[in-house]
Amino acid sequence: QLQLVESGGGLVQPGGSLRLSCAVSGFTLDYYSIGWFRQAPGKEREGVSCISSRGGRTKYADSVQGRFTISRDVAKNTVYLQMNSLRPDDTAVYYCAADTNYGLSCSRLAREYDHWGQGTQVTVSS
């Protein structure tokens, strides 16, 4: 059974950092792309970043480019999202998701993803 579990969310002041983790089970990162998404109250789910199954190629939303970094540890079956220079508008529930796409590219479109975690809350506030 495919499972994704996010952790690492919390309350942080503007300018601070958090590292989110997405621990996966039931599959390996060699064959699935992983995406990070976020959803703030009253807003649509946004694709923040993704990492491809082959080659670990990455993509970022313009709003987080240069501040967030996605990475993975295949041996630990875990994907990370390092978030620096956090801003109040980064406040949202963050989800990781798996796409059964074996390739060199990944998508930031939610509709491409088949399996989702439960989410972790990130709040940026002073």
Protein backbone atom coordinates (compact mmCIF):
# COMPACT_ATOMS: atom_id res chain seq x y z
CA GLN A 1 0.00 0.00 0.00
CA LEU A 2 1.38 3.35 -1.05
CA GLN A 3 1.68 5.82 1.79
CA LEU A 4 3.12 9.29 2.17
CA VAL A 5 3.58 10.98 5.55
CA GLU A 6 4.58 14.62 5.90
CA SER A 7 6.31 16.09 8.93
CA GLY A 8 8.26 19.16 9.94
CA GLY A 9 5.59 21.83 9.82
CA GLY A 10 5.07 24.39 12.54
CA LEU A 11 5.07 28.05 13.49
CA VAL A 12 8.01 30.16 12.37
CA GLN A 13 8.73 33.88 12.26
CA PRO A 14 9.10 35.72 8.95
CA GLY A 15 12.59 35.20 7.57
CA GLY A 16 12.93 31.86 9.33
CA SER A 17 13.40 28.37 7.96
CA LEU A 18 11.71 24.99 8.13
CA ARG A 19 12.48 21.64 6.57
CA LEU A 20 9.55 19.45 5.63
CA SER A 21 9.94 15.71 5.18
CA CYS A 22 7.84 13.32 3.15
CA ALA A 23 8.42 9.71 4.14
CA VAL A 24 7.09 7.26 1.58
CA SER A 25 6.36 3.55 1.85
CA GLY A 26 5.02 0.91 -0.49
CA PHE A 27 7.07 2.21 -3.41
CA THR A 28 10.51 3.54 -4.19
CA LEU A 29 11.53 7.00 -5.30
CA ASP A 30 13.35 5.49 -8.28
CA TYR A 31 10.02 5.05 -10.05
CA TYR A 32 7.83 7.87 -8.76
CA SER A 33 8.04 11.60 -9.09
CA ILE A 34 7.21 13.52 -5.92
CA GLY A 35 5.59 16.89 -5.70
CA TRP A 36 5.09 19.36 -2.89
CA PHE A 37 1.86 21.33 -2.92
CA ARG A 38 0.31 23.85 -0.59
CA GLN A 39 -3.15 25.17 0.04
CA ALA A 40 -4.03 28.26 2.01
CA PRO A 41 -7.58 28.92 3.25
CA GLY A 42 -9.79 30.10 0.43
CA LYS A 43 -7.13 29.47 -2.23
CA GLU A 44 -6.52 26.76 -4.78
CA ARG A 45 -3.91 24.10 -4.25
CA GLU A 46 -0.58 25.31 -5.64
CA GLY A 47 2.25 23.18 -6.95
CA VAL A 48 5.31 24.40 -5.08
CA SER A 49 8.01 22.05 -6.32
CA CYS A 50 8.62 18.60 -7.72
CA ILE A 51 11.45 16.14 -8.26
CA SER A 52 11.57 13.57 -11.03
CA SER A 53 12.01 9.84 -10.57
CA ARG A 54 14.91 9.66 -13.02
CA GLY A 55 17.78 11.97 -12.43
CA GLY A 56 16.15 13.87 -9.61
CA ARG A 57 15.43 16.89 -11.79
CA THR A 58 13.53 19.66 -10.05
CA LYS A 59 11.01 22.39 -10.74
CA TYR A 60 9.83 25.31 -8.62
CA ALA A 61 7.00 27.78 -8.59
CA ASP A 62 8.14 31.34 -9.24
CA SER A 63 6.92 32.33 -5.80
CA VAL A 64 9.45 30.04 -4.07
CA GLN A 65 12.32 29.95 -6.56
CA GLY A 66 15.57 30.74 -4.77
CA ARG A 67 14.04 30.24 -1.31
CA PHE A 68 12.90 26.60 -1.33
CA THR A 69 14.93 23.54 -2.21
CA ILE A 70 13.54 20.07 -2.88
CA SER A 71 15.77 17.04 -2.45
CA ARG A 72 15.49 13.33 -1.88
CA ASP A 73 17.27 10.50 -0.13
CA VAL A 74 16.43 7.40 -2.12
CA ALA A 75 17.97 5.08 0.47
CA LYS A 76 15.71 6.55 3.15
CA ASN A 77 12.73 6.83 0.81
CA THR A 78 12.27 10.40 1.92
CA VAL A 79 11.82 13.68 0.09
CA TYR A 80 12.61 17.00 1.72
CA LEU A 81 11.53 20.58 1.17
CA GLN A 82 13.95 23.07 2.70
CA MET A 83 12.17 26.39 3.09
CA ASN A 84 14.22 29.51 3.79
CA SER A 85 13.35 33.20 4.02
CA LEU A 86 9.79 32.29 4.86
CA ARG A 87 7.09 34.92 4.41
CA PRO A 88 3.57 35.20 5.82
CA ASP A 89 2.14 34.32 2.40
CA ASP A 90 3.88 30.93 2.63
CA THR A 91 1.37 30.01 5.34
CA ALA A 92 -0.58 26.97 4.19
CA VAL A 93 -1.08 23.26 4.61
CA TYR A 94 1.73 21.54 2.72
CA TYR A 95 1.17 18.20 1.03
CA CYS A 96 3.45 15.78 -0.72
CA ALA A 97 2.17 13.55 -3.49
CA ALA A 98 3.42 10.76 -5.74
CA ASP A 99 3.08 10.56 -9.50
CA THR A 100 3.50 7.17 -11.18
CA ASN A 101 5.61 8.78 -13.85
CA TYR A 102 8.95 7.26 -14.60
CA GLY A 103 10.96 9.87 -16.41
CA LEU A 104 13.30 12.79 -16.45
CA SER A 105 10.63 15.38 -15.81
CA CYS A 106 8.04 16.08 -13.15
CA SER A 107 4.83 18.08 -13.00
CA ARG A 108 3.55 20.76 -10.63
CA LEU A 109 -0.03 20.01 -11.63
CA ALA A 110 -2.07 18.38 -8.89
CA ARG A 111 -4.14 16.40 -11.37
CA GLU A 112 -1.03 14.42 -12.38
CA TYR A 113 -0.61 12.95 -8.91
CA ASP A 114 -2.24 9.74 -7.76
CA HIS A 115 -1.34 9.45 -4.10
CA TRP A 116 -1.35 12.10 -1.40
CA GLY A 117 -0.25 12.57 2.16
CA GLN A 118 -2.39 14.10 4.89
CA GLY A 119 -0.55 17.40 4.98
CA THR A 120 1.38 19.43 7.53
CA GLN A 121 0.57 22.98 8.63
CA VAL A 122 3.12 25.73 8.10
CA THR A 123 2.39 29.08 9.72
CA VAL A 124 4.64 32.08 9.19
CA SER A 125 3.82 34.82 11.65
CA SER A 126 5.45 37.16 14.10
